[in-house]
Amino acid sequence: MTLRDRQKAYYYSKLDELFPGVRNKYEKKFGSFYGCNANNVNKLKNIFNETCEKYGISTKMPSYEKKISDIQLSFLK
């Protein structure tokens, strides 16, 4: 999760409204960091990668910079 200025203000107001006392815990744990990871982020990454590999799901963006040809084109005849 990431929070920018106005997002953070809204998020904090909703925490105060819906979950009194949670905001203080949140601020103690994450301070003014822009983003935060889950407590078990490495375990979750491993599970995600293993599951994707098991089902043949790519986790990388395709490269659109494949070389089509080694021949240099020319406008000259």
Protein backbone atom coordinates (compact mmCIF):
# COMPACT_ATOMS: atom_id res chain seq x y z
CA MET A 1 0.00 0.00 0.00
CA THR A 2 1.22 3.51 -0.77
CA LEU A 3 -0.14 6.79 0.53
CA ARG A 4 0.41 10.25 -0.89
CA ASP A 5 -0.49 13.45 0.95
CA ARG A 6 -4.25 13.68 0.34
CA GLN A 7 -4.64 9.91 0.32
CA LYS A 8 -2.92 9.73 3.69
CA ALA A 9 -5.19 12.43 5.19
CA TYR A 10 -8.30 10.61 3.95
CA TYR A 11 -7.01 7.23 5.11
CA TYR A 12 -6.21 8.59 8.56
CA SER A 13 -9.62 10.25 8.87
CA LYS A 14 -11.33 6.96 7.99
CA LEU A 15 -9.15 5.04 10.45
CA ASP A 16 -10.12 7.51 13.18
CA GLU A 17 -13.79 7.26 12.23
CA LEU A 18 -14.06 3.49 11.80
CA PHE A 19 -11.26 2.10 13.98
CA PRO A 20 -10.46 4.44 16.90
CA GLY A 21 -6.92 3.95 18.19
CA VAL A 22 -5.62 2.13 15.11
CA ARG A 23 -4.16 5.27 13.57
CA ASN A 24 -1.70 5.67 16.47
CA LYS A 25 -0.50 2.08 16.03
CA TYR A 26 -0.19 2.60 12.28
CA GLU A 27 1.82 5.80 12.69
CA LYS A 28 4.15 4.15 15.25
CA LYS A 29 4.82 1.19 12.95
CA PHE A 30 5.14 2.97 9.58
CA GLY A 31 5.89 6.59 10.47
CA SER A 32 6.03 8.80 7.41
CA PHE A 33 7.09 6.07 4.97
CA TYR A 34 5.52 6.41 1.53
CA GLY A 35 4.66 2.70 1.40
CA CYS A 36 4.66 -0.34 3.62
CA ASN A 37 5.06 -4.05 3.10
CA ALA A 38 3.17 -6.87 4.70
CA ASN A 39 4.85 -8.32 7.80
CA ASN A 40 5.54 -11.56 5.93
CA VAL A 41 6.36 -10.05 2.52
CA ASN A 42 9.14 -12.54 1.68
CA LYS A 43 6.94 -15.55 2.43
CA LEU A 44 4.13 -14.07 0.31
CA LYS A 45 6.53 -13.38 -2.60
CA ASN A 46 7.74 -16.97 -2.50
CA ILE A 47 4.21 -18.37 -2.48
CA PHE A 48 3.25 -16.06 -5.35
CA ASN A 49 6.27 -17.00 -7.46
CA GLU A 50 5.90 -20.74 -6.79
CA THR A 51 2.20 -20.66 -7.66
CA CYS A 52 2.80 -18.72 -10.87
CA GLU A 53 5.54 -21.13 -11.88
CA LYS A 54 3.31 -24.14 -11.09
CA TYR A 55 0.53 -22.85 -13.36
CA GLY A 56 2.77 -21.40 -16.06
CA ILE A 57 1.90 -17.77 -15.35
CA SER A 58 4.59 -15.29 -16.36
CA THR A 59 5.59 -12.71 -13.79
CA LYS A 60 7.68 -10.67 -16.22
CA MET A 61 6.58 -8.11 -18.78
CA PRO A 62 7.21 -9.19 -22.37
CA SER A 63 10.07 -7.49 -24.17
CA TYR A 64 8.99 -5.56 -27.24
CA GLU A 65 12.56 -4.74 -28.20
CA LYS A 66 13.32 -7.99 -30.00
CA LYS A 67 15.69 -7.59 -32.86
CA ILE A 68 13.85 -8.22 -36.13
CA SER A 69 16.86 -8.25 -38.42
CA ASP A 70 20.59 -7.62 -38.49
CA ILE A 71 20.27 -5.90 -41.89
CA GLN A 72 20.65 -2.12 -41.83
CA LEU A 73 18.09 -0.50 -44.10
CA SER A 74 19.16 2.31 -46.41
CA PHE A 75 17.40 4.98 -48.44
CA LEU A 76 20.25 4.95 -50.97
CA LYS A 77 20.08 2.78 -54.08
